[in-house]
N, C-alpha and C. Protein backbone atom coordinates (compact mmCIF):
# COMPACT_ATOMS: atom_id res chain seq x y z
N UNK A 1 0.84 -1.19 0.00
CA UNK A 1 0.00 0.00 0.00
C UNK A 1 0.88 1.25 0.00
N UNK A 2 0.31 2.30 -0.55
CA UNK A 2 1.07 3.55 -0.64
C UNK A 2 0.13 4.73 -0.55
N UNK A 3 0.66 5.80 0.01
CA UNK A 3 -0.10 7.05 0.03
C UNK A 3 -0.07 7.66 -1.36
N UNK A 4 -1.20 8.16 -1.78
CA UNK A 4 -1.30 8.82 -3.08
C UNK A 4 -1.50 10.31 -2.86
N UNK A 5 -1.09 11.10 -3.84
CA UNK A 5 -1.26 12.55 -3.78
C UNK A 5 -2.73 12.88 -4.03
N UNK A 6 -3.30 13.67 -3.15
CA UNK A 6 -4.69 14.11 -3.32
C UNK A 6 -4.70 15.34 -4.22
N UNK A 7 -5.47 15.24 -5.27
CA UNK A 7 -5.58 16.34 -6.24
C UNK A 7 -6.48 17.44 -5.69
N UNK A 8 -6.17 18.67 -6.06
CA UNK A 8 -6.88 19.83 -5.55
C UNK A 8 -7.89 20.36 -6.56
N UNK A 9 -8.85 21.11 -6.06
CA UNK A 9 -10.00 21.61 -6.80
C UNK A 9 -9.67 22.16 -8.18
N UNK A 10 -8.58 22.87 -8.29
CA UNK A 10 -8.27 23.53 -9.56
C UNK A 10 -7.69 22.57 -10.61
N UNK A 11 -7.39 21.35 -10.22
CA UNK A 11 -6.79 20.40 -11.17
C UNK A 11 -7.87 19.83 -12.10
N UNK A 12 -7.55 19.82 -13.37
CA UNK A 12 -8.49 19.45 -14.43
C UNK A 12 -9.09 18.05 -14.24
N UNK A 13 -8.32 17.10 -13.74
CA UNK A 13 -8.79 15.73 -13.61
C UNK A 13 -10.04 15.63 -12.74
N UNK A 14 -10.20 16.53 -11.79
CA UNK A 14 -11.36 16.48 -10.90
C UNK A 14 -12.64 16.93 -11.59
N UNK A 15 -12.52 17.45 -12.79
CA UNK A 15 -13.69 17.96 -13.51
C UNK A 15 -14.02 17.10 -14.73
N UNK A 16 -13.47 15.89 -14.75
CA UNK A 16 -13.71 14.95 -15.85
C UNK A 16 -14.56 13.78 -15.36
N UNK A 17 -15.20 13.12 -16.31
CA UNK A 17 -16.05 11.96 -16.04
C UNK A 17 -15.15 10.71 -15.97
N UNK A 18 -15.25 9.97 -14.88
CA UNK A 18 -14.43 8.77 -14.70
C UNK A 18 -14.98 7.61 -15.55
N UNK A 19 -14.08 6.72 -15.93
CA UNK A 19 -14.44 5.60 -16.80
C UNK A 19 -14.82 4.37 -15.97
N UNK A 20 -15.75 3.60 -16.50
CA UNK A 20 -16.20 2.37 -15.86
C UNK A 20 -15.04 1.38 -15.77
N UNK A 21 -15.02 0.63 -14.70
CA UNK A 21 -14.02 -0.43 -14.52
C UNK A 21 -14.60 -1.71 -15.11
N UNK A 22 -13.91 -2.27 -16.10
CA UNK A 22 -14.44 -3.45 -16.80
C UNK A 22 -14.09 -4.76 -16.12
N UNK A 23 -12.98 -4.75 -15.38
CA UNK A 23 -12.53 -5.99 -14.74
C UNK A 23 -11.85 -5.63 -13.42
N UNK A 24 -12.15 -6.41 -12.39
CA UNK A 24 -11.51 -6.18 -11.09
C UNK A 24 -10.19 -6.96 -11.10
N UNK A 25 -9.12 -6.22 -11.26
CA UNK A 25 -7.78 -6.82 -11.32
C UNK A 25 -7.04 -6.53 -10.02
N UNK A 26 -5.85 -7.07 -9.92
CA UNK A 26 -5.03 -6.78 -8.74
C UNK A 26 -4.69 -5.28 -8.69
N UNK A 27 -4.53 -4.67 -9.84
CA UNK A 27 -4.26 -3.22 -9.87
C UNK A 27 -5.41 -2.43 -9.25
N UNK A 28 -6.64 -2.86 -9.50
CA UNK A 28 -7.81 -2.19 -8.93
C UNK A 28 -7.85 -2.43 -7.42
N UNK A 29 -7.55 -3.64 -6.99
CA UNK A 29 -7.50 -3.93 -5.54
C UNK A 29 -6.41 -3.10 -4.85
N UNK A 30 -5.26 -2.99 -5.51
CA UNK A 30 -4.16 -2.17 -4.96
C UNK A 30 -4.55 -0.70 -4.91
N UNK A 31 -5.24 -0.22 -5.94
CA UNK A 31 -5.72 1.15 -5.96
C UNK A 31 -6.65 1.38 -4.77
N UNK A 32 -7.58 0.46 -4.54
CA UNK A 32 -8.52 0.60 -3.42
C UNK A 32 -7.77 0.65 -2.09
N UNK A 33 -6.78 -0.22 -1.93
CA UNK A 33 -5.99 -0.23 -0.69
C UNK A 33 -5.24 1.09 -0.52
N UNK A 34 -4.65 1.60 -1.60
CA UNK A 34 -3.96 2.89 -1.55
C UNK A 34 -4.92 4.02 -1.22
N UNK A 35 -6.12 3.98 -1.81
CA UNK A 35 -7.11 5.02 -1.55
C UNK A 35 -7.54 5.01 -0.09
N UNK A 36 -7.75 3.83 0.47
CA UNK A 36 -8.11 3.75 1.89
C UNK A 36 -7.00 4.30 2.77
N UNK A 37 -5.76 3.90 2.48
CA UNK A 37 -4.64 4.39 3.28
C UNK A 37 -4.53 5.92 3.17
N UNK A 38 -4.69 6.43 1.97
CA UNK A 38 -4.62 7.88 1.74
C UNK A 38 -5.75 8.60 2.48
N UNK A 39 -6.96 8.06 2.40
CA UNK A 39 -8.11 8.66 3.07
C UNK A 39 -7.91 8.68 4.58
N UNK A 40 -7.49 7.57 5.15
CA UNK A 40 -7.27 7.50 6.60
C UNK A 40 -6.16 8.47 7.02
N UNK A 41 -5.08 8.51 6.25
CA UNK A 41 -3.97 9.40 6.57
C UNK A 41 -4.41 10.86 6.56
N UNK A 42 -5.31 11.21 5.63
CA UNK A 42 -5.78 12.60 5.51
C UNK A 42 -6.96 12.89 6.44
N UNK A 43 -7.36 11.89 7.22
CA UNK A 43 -8.47 12.02 8.15
C UNK A 43 -9.78 12.36 7.45
N UNK A 44 -9.97 11.75 6.27
CA UNK A 44 -11.21 11.92 5.52
C UNK A 44 -12.16 10.77 5.80
N UNK A 45 -13.38 10.90 5.29
CA UNK A 45 -14.37 9.82 5.42
C UNK A 45 -14.71 9.21 4.06
N UNK A 46 -14.17 9.78 3.00
CA UNK A 46 -14.41 9.24 1.66
C UNK A 46 -13.36 9.75 0.70
N UNK A 47 -13.18 8.98 -0.37
CA UNK A 47 -12.22 9.37 -1.40
C UNK A 47 -12.62 8.68 -2.70
N UNK A 48 -12.59 9.43 -3.78
CA UNK A 48 -12.88 8.90 -5.11
C UNK A 48 -11.59 8.84 -5.92
N UNK A 49 -11.51 7.87 -6.82
CA UNK A 49 -10.28 7.69 -7.60
C UNK A 49 -9.81 8.96 -8.32
N UNK A 50 -10.69 9.78 -8.90
CA UNK A 50 -10.19 11.01 -9.53
C UNK A 50 -9.42 11.91 -8.56
N UNK A 51 -9.75 11.82 -7.26
CA UNK A 51 -9.05 12.64 -6.27
C UNK A 51 -7.59 12.21 -6.10
N UNK A 52 -7.25 11.01 -6.55
CA UNK A 52 -5.85 10.58 -6.51
C UNK A 52 -5.30 10.45 -7.93
N UNK A 53 -5.97 11.12 -8.88
CA UNK A 53 -5.44 11.21 -10.24
C UNK A 53 -5.77 10.04 -11.15
N UNK A 54 -6.75 9.21 -10.78
CA UNK A 54 -7.12 8.04 -11.58
C UNK A 54 -8.57 8.19 -12.03
N UNK A 55 -8.80 8.24 -13.34
CA UNK A 55 -10.16 8.41 -13.87
C UNK A 55 -10.88 7.07 -13.98
N UNK A 56 -11.09 6.43 -12.85
CA UNK A 56 -11.82 5.17 -12.77
C UNK A 56 -12.97 5.33 -11.79
N UNK A 57 -14.04 4.56 -11.99
CA UNK A 57 -15.24 4.66 -11.16
C UNK A 57 -15.12 3.75 -9.93
N UNK A 58 -14.38 4.25 -8.95
CA UNK A 58 -14.23 3.55 -7.68
C UNK A 58 -14.13 4.59 -6.56
N UNK A 59 -14.83 4.30 -5.46
CA UNK A 59 -14.77 5.17 -4.29
C UNK A 59 -14.58 4.31 -3.04
N UNK A 60 -14.01 4.94 -2.02
CA UNK A 60 -13.89 4.31 -0.70
C UNK A 60 -14.52 5.24 0.31
N UNK A 61 -15.18 4.64 1.31
CA UNK A 61 -15.87 5.42 2.35
C UNK A 61 -15.71 4.68 3.66
N UNK A 62 -15.48 5.43 4.74
CA UNK A 62 -15.53 4.85 6.08
C UNK A 62 -15.93 5.97 7.05
N UNK A 63 -17.19 5.90 7.49
CA UNK A 63 -17.69 6.93 8.41
C UNK A 63 -17.62 6.48 9.86
N UNK A 64 -17.09 5.28 10.10
CA UNK A 64 -17.05 4.76 11.47
C UNK A 64 -16.04 5.53 12.33
N UNK A 65 -16.37 5.71 13.60
CA UNK A 65 -15.45 6.38 14.52
C UNK A 65 -14.16 5.60 14.69
N UNK A 66 -14.26 4.28 14.65
CA UNK A 66 -13.08 3.41 14.85
C UNK A 66 -12.23 3.31 13.60
N UNK A 67 -12.77 3.78 12.46
CA UNK A 67 -12.07 3.73 11.17
C UNK A 67 -11.78 2.28 10.78
N UNK A 68 -12.77 1.41 11.02
CA UNK A 68 -12.57 -0.01 10.76
C UNK A 68 -13.71 -0.62 9.94
N UNK A 69 -14.47 0.22 9.24
CA UNK A 69 -15.61 -0.28 8.46
C UNK A 69 -15.60 0.28 7.04
N UNK A 70 -14.54 -0.01 6.30
CA UNK A 70 -14.44 0.57 4.96
C UNK A 70 -15.46 -0.03 3.99
N UNK A 71 -15.96 0.83 3.12
CA UNK A 71 -16.84 0.42 2.03
C UNK A 71 -16.09 0.77 0.74
N UNK A 72 -15.92 -0.22 -0.13
CA UNK A 72 -15.28 0.01 -1.42
C UNK A 72 -16.34 -0.25 -2.48
N UNK A 73 -16.60 0.75 -3.31
CA UNK A 73 -17.64 0.66 -4.32
C UNK A 73 -17.03 0.83 -5.72
N UNK A 74 -17.15 -0.21 -6.52
CA UNK A 74 -16.69 -0.17 -7.91
C UNK A 74 -17.91 0.04 -8.80
N UNK A 75 -17.81 0.98 -9.72
CA UNK A 75 -18.89 1.32 -10.65
C UNK A 75 -20.22 1.59 -9.92
N UNK A 76 -20.20 2.41 -8.89
CA UNK A 76 -21.43 2.65 -8.13
C UNK A 76 -22.42 3.54 -8.88
N UNK A 77 -23.70 3.25 -8.64
CA UNK A 77 -24.79 4.04 -9.22
C UNK A 77 -25.87 4.19 -8.16
N UNK A 78 -26.31 5.41 -7.94
CA UNK A 78 -27.43 5.64 -7.03
C UNK A 78 -28.71 5.33 -7.80
N UNK A 79 -29.51 4.40 -7.24
CA UNK A 79 -30.74 3.98 -7.90
C UNK A 79 -31.99 4.59 -7.27
N UNK A 80 -31.88 5.03 -6.02
CA UNK A 80 -33.02 5.67 -5.36
C UNK A 80 -32.52 6.77 -4.44
N UNK A 81 -33.30 7.85 -4.38
CA UNK A 81 -33.03 8.98 -3.48
C UNK A 81 -34.35 9.34 -2.80
N UNK A 82 -34.28 9.64 -1.51
CA UNK A 82 -35.50 9.98 -0.79
C UNK A 82 -35.19 10.98 0.32
N UNK A 83 -36.10 11.89 0.53
CA UNK A 83 -35.95 12.85 1.62
C UNK A 83 -34.89 13.89 1.33
N UNK A 84 -34.59 14.65 2.38
CA UNK A 84 -33.64 15.75 2.24
C UNK A 84 -32.96 16.03 3.57
N UNK A 85 -31.69 16.36 3.49
CA UNK A 85 -30.93 16.80 4.66
C UNK A 85 -29.99 17.91 4.21
N UNK A 86 -29.79 18.87 5.08
CA UNK A 86 -28.86 19.95 4.80
C UNK A 86 -27.83 19.97 5.91
N UNK A 87 -26.56 20.00 5.52
CA UNK A 87 -25.51 20.00 6.52
C UNK A 87 -24.17 20.44 5.93
N UNK A 88 -23.20 20.53 6.82
CA UNK A 88 -21.86 20.97 6.42
C UNK A 88 -21.14 19.86 5.67
N UNK A 89 -20.41 20.25 4.63
CA UNK A 89 -19.55 19.33 3.91
C UNK A 89 -18.20 19.99 3.70
N UNK A 90 -17.20 19.14 3.64
CA UNK A 90 -15.86 19.54 3.28
C UNK A 90 -15.35 18.51 2.30
N UNK A 91 -14.12 18.68 1.84
CA UNK A 91 -13.57 17.77 0.85
C UNK A 91 -12.06 17.79 0.93
N UNK A 92 -11.46 16.62 0.81
CA UNK A 92 -10.00 16.54 0.84
C UNK A 92 -9.38 17.29 -0.33
N UNK A 93 -10.13 17.50 -1.41
CA UNK A 93 -9.63 18.23 -2.57
C UNK A 93 -9.85 19.74 -2.46
N UNK A 94 -10.55 20.16 -1.41
CA UNK A 94 -10.78 21.58 -1.14
C UNK A 94 -10.41 21.79 0.33
N UNK A 95 -9.13 21.66 0.65
CA UNK A 95 -8.72 21.65 2.06
C UNK A 95 -9.01 22.96 2.78
N UNK A 96 -9.42 22.81 4.06
CA UNK A 96 -9.62 23.96 4.91
C UNK A 96 -10.91 24.71 4.69
N UNK A 97 -11.81 24.18 3.86
CA UNK A 97 -13.07 24.88 3.53
C UNK A 97 -14.26 23.97 3.85
N UNK A 98 -15.41 24.60 4.12
CA UNK A 98 -16.66 23.88 4.33
C UNK A 98 -17.82 24.73 3.83
N UNK A 99 -18.89 24.04 3.47
CA UNK A 99 -20.08 24.75 3.02
C UNK A 99 -21.32 23.93 3.32
N UNK A 100 -22.44 24.59 3.34
CA UNK A 100 -23.73 23.96 3.61
C UNK A 100 -24.29 23.41 2.30
N UNK A 101 -24.63 22.10 2.31
CA UNK A 101 -25.10 21.41 1.10
C UNK A 101 -26.34 20.59 1.45
N UNK A 102 -27.32 20.59 0.55
CA UNK A 102 -28.51 19.75 0.70
C UNK A 102 -28.33 18.50 -0.14
N UNK A 103 -28.58 17.36 0.50
CA UNK A 103 -28.46 16.04 -0.14
C UNK A 103 -29.69 15.22 0.24
N UNK A 104 -29.88 14.07 -0.42
CA UNK A 104 -30.95 13.17 0.00
C UNK A 104 -30.68 12.61 1.40
N UNK A 105 -31.74 12.38 2.16
CA UNK A 105 -31.60 11.76 3.48
C UNK A 105 -31.32 10.26 3.35
N UNK A 106 -31.90 9.65 2.33
CA UNK A 106 -31.73 8.20 2.10
C UNK A 106 -31.36 7.96 0.65
N UNK A 107 -30.44 7.04 0.44
CA UNK A 107 -30.10 6.61 -0.92
C UNK A 107 -29.96 5.09 -0.96
N UNK A 108 -30.18 4.57 -2.14
CA UNK A 108 -29.91 3.17 -2.42
C UNK A 108 -28.94 3.18 -3.59
N UNK A 109 -27.87 2.42 -3.47
CA UNK A 109 -26.87 2.40 -4.53
C UNK A 109 -26.50 0.96 -4.86
N UNK A 110 -26.22 0.73 -6.12
CA UNK A 110 -25.73 -0.57 -6.59
C UNK A 110 -24.28 -0.40 -7.00
N UNK A 111 -23.48 -1.42 -6.74
CA UNK A 111 -22.06 -1.36 -7.09
C UNK A 111 -21.51 -2.78 -7.14
N UNK A 112 -20.27 -2.89 -7.53
CA UNK A 112 -19.56 -4.17 -7.53
C UNK A 112 -18.52 -4.13 -6.43
N UNK A 113 -18.40 -5.22 -5.69
CA UNK A 113 -17.38 -5.32 -4.65
C UNK A 113 -16.04 -5.68 -5.29
N UNK A 114 -14.98 -5.63 -4.49
CA UNK A 114 -13.65 -6.01 -5.00
C UNK A 114 -13.58 -7.51 -5.32
N UNK A 115 -14.55 -8.28 -4.83
CA UNK A 115 -14.63 -9.71 -5.14
C UNK A 115 -15.44 -9.96 -6.41
N UNK A 116 -15.93 -8.89 -7.04
CA UNK A 116 -16.70 -9.03 -8.26
C UNK A 116 -18.18 -9.30 -8.03
N UNK A 117 -18.62 -9.18 -6.79
CA UNK A 117 -20.01 -9.46 -6.43
C UNK A 117 -20.87 -8.20 -6.60
N UNK A 118 -22.05 -8.39 -7.20
CA UNK A 118 -23.01 -7.28 -7.32
C UNK A 118 -23.59 -7.01 -5.94
N UNK A 119 -23.57 -5.75 -5.52
CA UNK A 119 -24.01 -5.38 -4.17
C UNK A 119 -25.01 -4.23 -4.25
N UNK A 120 -25.81 -4.14 -3.19
CA UNK A 120 -26.72 -3.01 -3.01
C UNK A 120 -26.53 -2.50 -1.59
N UNK A 121 -26.50 -1.20 -1.43
CA UNK A 121 -26.41 -0.60 -0.10
C UNK A 121 -27.55 0.40 0.05
N UNK A 122 -28.20 0.35 1.19
CA UNK A 122 -29.20 1.35 1.54
C UNK A 122 -28.60 2.18 2.66
N UNK A 123 -28.54 3.47 2.47
CA UNK A 123 -27.85 4.35 3.42
C UNK A 123 -28.75 5.51 3.79
N UNK A 124 -28.56 5.99 5.02
CA UNK A 124 -29.30 7.17 5.46
C UNK A 124 -28.35 8.13 6.16
N UNK A 125 -28.78 9.36 6.31
CA UNK A 125 -28.01 10.35 7.05
C UNK A 125 -26.62 10.60 6.48
N UNK A 126 -25.65 10.53 7.38
CA UNK A 126 -24.28 10.88 7.01
C UNK A 126 -23.71 9.94 5.94
N UNK A 127 -24.02 8.64 6.02
CA UNK A 127 -23.53 7.71 5.00
C UNK A 127 -24.14 8.04 3.64
N UNK A 128 -25.42 8.38 3.61
CA UNK A 128 -26.05 8.78 2.34
C UNK A 128 -25.35 10.02 1.78
N UNK A 129 -25.05 10.98 2.65
CA UNK A 129 -24.34 12.20 2.24
C UNK A 129 -22.98 11.85 1.66
N UNK A 130 -22.24 10.96 2.33
CA UNK A 130 -20.90 10.59 1.87
C UNK A 130 -20.96 9.89 0.51
N UNK A 131 -21.92 9.01 0.33
CA UNK A 131 -22.06 8.31 -0.96
C UNK A 131 -22.34 9.31 -2.06
N UNK A 132 -23.28 10.21 -1.85
CA UNK A 132 -23.59 11.22 -2.88
C UNK A 132 -22.37 12.08 -3.20
N UNK A 133 -21.66 12.51 -2.16
CA UNK A 133 -20.48 13.37 -2.33
C UNK A 133 -19.44 12.65 -3.18
N UNK A 134 -19.14 11.40 -2.83
CA UNK A 134 -18.08 10.67 -3.55
C UNK A 134 -18.50 10.33 -4.97
N UNK A 135 -19.76 9.96 -5.18
CA UNK A 135 -20.20 9.64 -6.53
C UNK A 135 -20.22 10.86 -7.43
N UNK A 136 -20.47 12.04 -6.85
CA UNK A 136 -20.35 13.27 -7.64
C UNK A 136 -18.96 13.40 -8.24
N UNK A 137 -17.93 13.03 -7.47
CA UNK A 137 -16.55 13.11 -7.97
C UNK A 137 -16.38 12.29 -9.24
N UNK A 138 -17.07 11.16 -9.33
CA UNK A 138 -16.92 10.28 -10.49
C UNK A 138 -17.48 10.91 -11.76
N UNK A 139 -18.34 11.89 -11.59
CA UNK A 139 -18.92 12.59 -12.74
C UNK A 139 -18.32 13.99 -12.93
N UNK A 140 -17.21 14.26 -12.24
CA UNK A 140 -16.50 15.52 -12.42
C UNK A 140 -17.07 16.68 -11.65
N UNK A 141 -17.83 16.39 -10.58
CA UNK A 141 -18.44 17.46 -9.79
C UNK A 141 -17.89 17.49 -8.37
N UNK A 142 -17.74 18.69 -7.84
CA UNK A 142 -17.31 18.88 -6.45
C UNK A 142 -18.44 19.52 -5.67
N UNK A 143 -18.44 19.29 -4.37
CA UNK A 143 -19.51 19.81 -3.52
C UNK A 143 -19.62 21.33 -3.57
N UNK A 144 -18.54 22.02 -3.91
CA UNK A 144 -18.58 23.48 -3.94
C UNK A 144 -19.60 24.00 -4.95
N UNK A 145 -19.96 23.17 -5.94
CA UNK A 145 -20.98 23.55 -6.92
C UNK A 145 -22.37 23.58 -6.29
N UNK A 146 -22.54 22.89 -5.18
CA UNK A 146 -23.85 22.75 -4.54
C UNK A 146 -23.97 23.57 -3.26
N UNK A 147 -22.92 24.27 -2.87
CA UNK A 147 -22.93 25.00 -1.61
C UNK A 147 -24.00 26.08 -1.63
N UNK A 148 -24.79 26.09 -0.56
CA UNK A 148 -25.83 27.11 -0.38
C UNK A 148 -25.21 28.23 0.46
N UNK A 149 -25.21 29.40 -0.08
CA UNK A 149 -24.52 30.50 0.60
C UNK A 149 -23.06 30.51 0.18
N UNK A 150 -22.21 30.76 1.14
CA UNK A 150 -20.79 30.88 0.78
C UNK A 150 -19.98 29.72 1.33
N UNK A 151 -18.79 29.60 0.85
CA UNK A 151 -17.81 28.63 1.33
C UNK A 151 -17.06 29.28 2.49
N UNK A 152 -16.93 28.57 3.59
CA UNK A 152 -16.28 29.11 4.78
C UNK A 152 -14.90 28.50 4.97
N UNK A 153 -13.99 29.29 5.53
CA UNK A 153 -12.73 28.74 6.04
C UNK A 153 -13.08 27.98 7.30
N UNK A 154 -12.52 26.80 7.49
CA UNK A 154 -12.82 26.01 8.68
C UNK A 154 -12.45 26.74 9.96
N UNK A 155 -11.45 27.61 9.90
CA UNK A 155 -11.07 28.37 11.09
C UNK A 155 -12.22 29.29 11.52
N UNK A 156 -12.97 29.84 10.56
CA UNK A 156 -14.13 30.67 10.89
C UNK A 156 -15.18 29.85 11.64
N UNK A 157 -15.39 28.63 11.18
CA UNK A 157 -16.41 27.77 11.81
C UNK A 157 -15.97 27.34 13.20
N UNK A 158 -14.68 27.04 13.35
CA UNK A 158 -14.17 26.67 14.69
C UNK A 158 -14.34 27.84 15.65
N UNK A 159 -14.00 29.04 15.21
CA UNK A 159 -14.13 30.22 16.07
C UNK A 159 -15.59 30.47 16.44
N UNK A 160 -16.50 30.32 15.47
CA UNK A 160 -17.93 30.51 15.74
C UNK A 160 -18.42 29.45 16.71
N UNK A 161 -17.96 28.22 16.55
CA UNK A 161 -18.36 27.13 17.44
C UNK A 161 -17.87 27.39 18.86
N UNK A 162 -16.64 27.86 18.98
CA UNK A 162 -16.09 28.19 20.31
C UNK A 162 -16.87 29.33 20.95
N UNK A 163 -17.26 30.33 20.14
CA UNK A 163 -18.07 31.43 20.66
C UNK A 163 -19.41 30.92 21.15
N UNK A 164 -20.03 29.99 20.39
CA UNK A 164 -21.31 29.40 20.81
C UNK A 164 -21.16 28.65 22.13
N UNK A 165 -20.06 27.91 22.29
CA UNK A 165 -19.83 27.17 23.53
C UNK A 165 -19.68 28.13 24.70
N UNK A 166 -18.98 29.24 24.49
CA UNK A 166 -18.83 30.24 25.55
C UNK A 166 -20.19 30.81 25.94
N UNK A 167 -21.05 31.09 24.94
CA UNK A 167 -22.38 31.61 25.23
C UNK A 167 -23.21 30.58 25.99
N UNK A 168 -23.08 29.29 25.62
CA UNK A 168 -23.83 28.25 26.32
C UNK A 168 -23.46 28.18 27.78
N UNK A 169 -22.20 28.42 28.08
CA UNK A 169 -21.75 28.34 29.46
C UNK A 169 -22.39 29.42 30.32
N UNK A 170 -22.72 30.56 29.70
CA UNK A 170 -23.31 31.64 30.49
C UNK A 170 -24.81 31.80 30.23
N UNK A 171 -25.36 30.92 29.37
CA UNK A 171 -26.77 31.03 29.03
C UNK A 171 -27.65 30.66 30.23
N UNK A 172 -28.82 31.29 30.28
CA UNK A 172 -29.77 30.93 31.34
C UNK A 172 -30.72 29.83 30.88
N UNK A 173 -30.48 29.32 29.68
CA UNK A 173 -31.29 28.21 29.18
C UNK A 173 -32.55 28.65 28.46
N UNK A 174 -32.80 29.95 28.33
CA UNK A 174 -34.02 30.43 27.70
C UNK A 174 -33.83 30.78 26.23
N UNK A 175 -32.71 30.42 25.66
CA UNK A 175 -32.48 30.79 24.26
C UNK A 175 -32.80 29.67 23.29
N UNK A 176 -33.34 28.56 23.75
CA UNK A 176 -33.73 27.48 22.88
C UNK A 176 -32.63 26.50 22.56
N UNK A 177 -31.40 26.77 22.96
CA UNK A 177 -30.30 25.85 22.71
C UNK A 177 -30.20 24.83 23.81
N UNK A 178 -29.75 23.67 23.45
CA UNK A 178 -29.54 22.63 24.45
C UNK A 178 -28.17 22.83 25.08
N UNK A 179 -28.13 22.79 26.36
CA UNK A 179 -26.84 22.93 27.05
C UNK A 179 -26.12 21.61 27.03
N UNK A 180 -24.81 21.67 27.00
CA UNK A 180 -24.04 20.43 27.04
C UNK A 180 -23.43 20.24 28.41
């Protein structure tokens, strides 16, 4: 396994349509292993092959806190979308930035596993968001195209969050926020 260079927003490869994988070879398995290692090293929850400079339809995702539940999707396609959720998103290809994006609350996707098995996944919430985000990369799209409002520097969000925590500490509880 090896760490791969994560491509940045301005690089042309991130704006191209990835090609279908016709056969699961050892090279594809090695690519998936490298992508997982790269994603974990960068502290991400998902990574698409174009983000490491490969125009192939493969993504890796792991939203688990323990970082021990990787999902590898070859030639994934979302077949159903339901509901709506709006939340913050960031991207390893747009470092240090976040924006508010609306995605489906639930998705169903079909893909091929690294063993060549046809699979279906039904996902909700954060996993549904991650699947949509990563599959967008395969079609040359980044989340910044969907941001509602402006793109924020993560330092701005951290500072605002710290300010909110300070206010919670002195709040009398009548402002509608839940105290921690």
